[in-house]
C-alpha atoms as a PDB file:
ATOM      1  CA  UNK A   1     162.254   5.000  44.675  1.00  0.00           C
ATOM      2  CA  UNK A   2     162.117   2.170  42.126  1.00  0.00           C
ATOM      3  CA  UNK A   3     159.280   0.422  43.984  1.00  0.00           C
ATOM      4  CA  UNK A   4     156.895   3.088  42.642  1.00  0.00           C
ATOM      5  CA  UNK A   5     158.332   2.700  39.133  1.00  0.00           C
ATOM      6  CA  UNK A   6     157.695  -1.052  38.901  1.00  0.00           C
ATOM      7  CA  UNK A   7     154.490  -2.299  37.244  1.00  0.00           C
ATOM      8  CA  UNK A   8     153.351  -5.908  36.689  1.00  0.00           C
ATOM      9  CA  UNK A   9     150.841  -6.302  33.858  1.00  0.00           C
ATOM     10  CA  UNK A  10     148.635  -8.150  34.817  1.00  0.00           C
ATOM     11  CA  UNK A  11     149.128  -9.442  38.382  1.00  0.00           C
ATOM     12  CA  UNK A  12     146.543 -12.231  37.854  1.00  0.00           C
ATOM     13  CA  UNK A  13     147.578 -13.945  34.621  1.00  0.00           C
ATOM     14  CA  UNK A  14     147.916 -17.223  32.724  1.00  0.00           C
ATOM     15  CA  UNK A  15     151.695 -17.265  33.105  1.00  0.00           C
ATOM     16  CA  UNK A  16     152.384 -14.594  30.484  1.00  0.00           C
ATOM     17  CA  UNK A  17     152.935 -11.116  31.838  1.00  0.00           C
ATOM     18  CA  UNK A  18     155.072  -8.035  31.448  1.00  0.00           C
ATOM     19  CA  UNK A  19     157.169  -6.146  33.954  1.00  0.00           C
ATOM     20  CA  UNK A  20     157.525  -2.442  33.255  1.00  0.00           C
ATOM     21  CA  UNK A  21     160.474  -0.692  34.901  1.00  0.00           C
ATOM     22  CA  UNK A  22     160.677   3.074  34.796  1.00  0.00           C
ATOM     23  CA  UNK A  23     164.160   3.839  36.070  1.00  0.00           C
ATOM     24  CA  UNK A  24     165.943   6.802  34.465  1.00  0.00           C
ATOM     25  CA  UNK A  25     169.403   5.543  35.410  1.00  0.00           C
ATOM     26  CA  UNK A  26     171.335   2.976  33.410  1.00  0.00           C
ATOM     27  CA  UNK A  27     171.256  -0.044  35.750  1.00  0.00           C
ATOM     28  CA  UNK A  28     171.693  -3.802  35.501  1.00  0.00           C
ATOM     29  CA  UNK A  29     168.705  -5.907  36.486  1.00  0.00           C
ATOM     30  CA  UNK A  30     168.118  -9.542  37.431  1.00  0.00           C
ATOM     31  CA  UNK A  31     164.568 -10.918  37.444  1.00  0.00           C
ATOM     32  CA  UNK A  32     164.033 -14.177  39.365  1.00  0.00           C
ATOM     33  CA  UNK A  33     160.834 -16.133  40.032  1.00  0.00           C
ATOM     34  CA  UNK A  34     160.394 -18.451  43.011  1.00  0.00           C
ATOM     35  CA  UNK A  35     157.670 -20.997  43.727  1.00  0.00           C
ATOM     36  CA  UNK A  36     155.782 -21.170  47.027  1.00  0.00           C
ATOM     37  CA  UNK A  37     158.529 -23.450  48.466  1.00  0.00           C
ATOM     38  CA  UNK A  38     161.194 -20.831  47.739  1.00  0.00           C
ATOM     39  CA  UNK A  39     162.798 -22.727  44.845  1.00  0.00           C
ATOM     40  CA  UNK A  40     164.029 -20.560  41.973  1.00  0.00           C
ATOM     41  CA  UNK A  41     162.171 -21.659  38.843  1.00  0.00           C
ATOM     42  CA  UNK A  42     163.074 -18.891  36.382  1.00  0.00           C
ATOM     43  CA  UNK A  43     165.724 -16.214  35.982  1.00  0.00           C
ATOM     44  CA  UNK A  44     166.680 -13.483  33.511  1.00  0.00           C
ATOM     45  CA  UNK A  45     170.182 -12.071  34.133  1.00  0.00           C
ATOM     46  CA  UNK A  46     172.248  -9.137  32.958  1.00  0.00           C
ATOM     47  CA  UNK A  47     169.311  -7.067  31.738  1.00  0.00           C
ATOM     48  CA  UNK A  48     170.371  -3.526  30.968  1.00  0.00           C
ATOM     49  CA  UNK A  49     167.776  -0.890  31.767  1.00  0.00           C
ATOM     50  CA  UNK A  50     168.131   2.616  30.400  1.00  0.00           C
ATOM     51  CA  UNK A  51     164.954   4.590  30.976  1.00  0.00           C
ATOM     52  CA  UNK A  52     161.593   2.848  30.729  1.00  0.00           C
ATOM     53  CA  UNK A  53     161.907  -0.842  29.822  1.00  0.00           C
ATOM     54  CA  UNK A  54     159.389  -3.659  29.397  1.00  0.00           C
ATOM     55  CA  UNK A  55     160.306  -7.303  29.996  1.00  0.00           C
ATOM     56  CA  UNK A  56     158.007 -10.192  29.017  1.00  0.00           C
ATOM     57  CA  UNK A  57     157.971 -13.332  31.162  1.00  0.00           C
ATOM     58  CA  UNK A  58     156.436 -16.593  29.967  1.00  0.00           C
ATOM     59  CA  UNK A  59     155.761 -18.908  32.893  1.00  0.00           C
ATOM     60  CA  UNK A  60     152.855 -20.691  31.191  1.00  0.00           C
ATOM     61  CA  UNK A  61     154.601 -24.062  31.545  1.00  0.00           C
ATOM     62  CA  UNK A  62     154.358 -23.814  35.356  1.00  0.00           C
ATOM     63  CA  UNK A  63     151.379 -24.875  37.484  1.00  0.00           C
ATOM     64  CA  UNK A  64     148.715 -22.499  38.703  1.00  0.00           C
ATOM     65  CA  UNK A  65     149.687 -20.954  42.037  1.00  0.00           C
ATOM     66  CA  UNK A  66     151.343 -18.040  43.771  1.00  0.00           C
ATOM     67  CA  UNK A  67     154.887 -17.155  42.779  1.00  0.00           C
ATOM     68  CA  UNK A  68     157.278 -14.499  44.027  1.00  0.00           C
ATOM     69  CA  UNK A  69     158.997 -12.285  41.479  1.00  0.00           C
ATOM     70  CA  UNK A  70     162.278 -10.818  42.732  1.00  0.00           C
ATOM     71  CA  UNK A  71     163.761  -7.864  40.917  1.00  0.00           C
ATOM     72  CA  UNK A  72     167.354  -7.037  41.799  1.00  0.00           C
ATOM     73  CA  UNK A  73     168.652  -3.622  40.778  1.00  0.00           C
ATOM     74  CA  UNK A  74     172.247  -2.754  41.682  1.00  0.00           C
ATOM     75  CA  UNK A  75     172.146  -3.710  45.393  1.00  0.00           C
ATOM     76  CA  UNK A  76     168.402  -3.337  45.992  1.00  0.00           C
ATOM     77  CA  UNK A  77     165.860  -6.152  45.830  1.00  0.00           C
ATOM     78  CA  UNK A  78     162.084  -5.873  45.355  1.00  0.00           C
ATOM     79  CA  UNK A  79     159.569  -8.713  45.755  1.00  0.00           C
ATOM     80  CA  UNK A  80     156.040  -9.007  44.396  1.00  0.00           C
ATOM     81  CA  UNK A  81     153.669 -11.970  44.358  1.00  0.00           C
ATOM     82  CA  UNK A  82     151.799 -12.958  41.197  1.00  0.00           C
ATOM     83  CA  UNK A  83     148.955 -15.434  40.775  1.00  0.00           C
ATOM     84  CA  UNK A  84     148.760 -17.772  37.774  1.00  0.00           C
ATOM     85  CA  UNK A  85     145.138 -18.744  37.209  1.00  0.00           C
ATOM     86  CA  UNK A  86     143.871 -20.792  34.279  1.00  0.00           C
END
């Protein structure tokens, strides 16, 4: 299950954080970030994951608050909340 192979480093951050994905299969990934109102504010498309991959996100230009990170792998979608705190 990918949910156990997904790590956000760190959850509480200044807008800069990494997402570590440990998925042994070669899959395509989309990472989207939504604000508290549900508006998409950031997206990385067509990421190719083969084994363990690390993706850096820089959301430092956005306000402090709670955001939802959506990771789409093949046909599955996983959501996690992050907190930007300065």
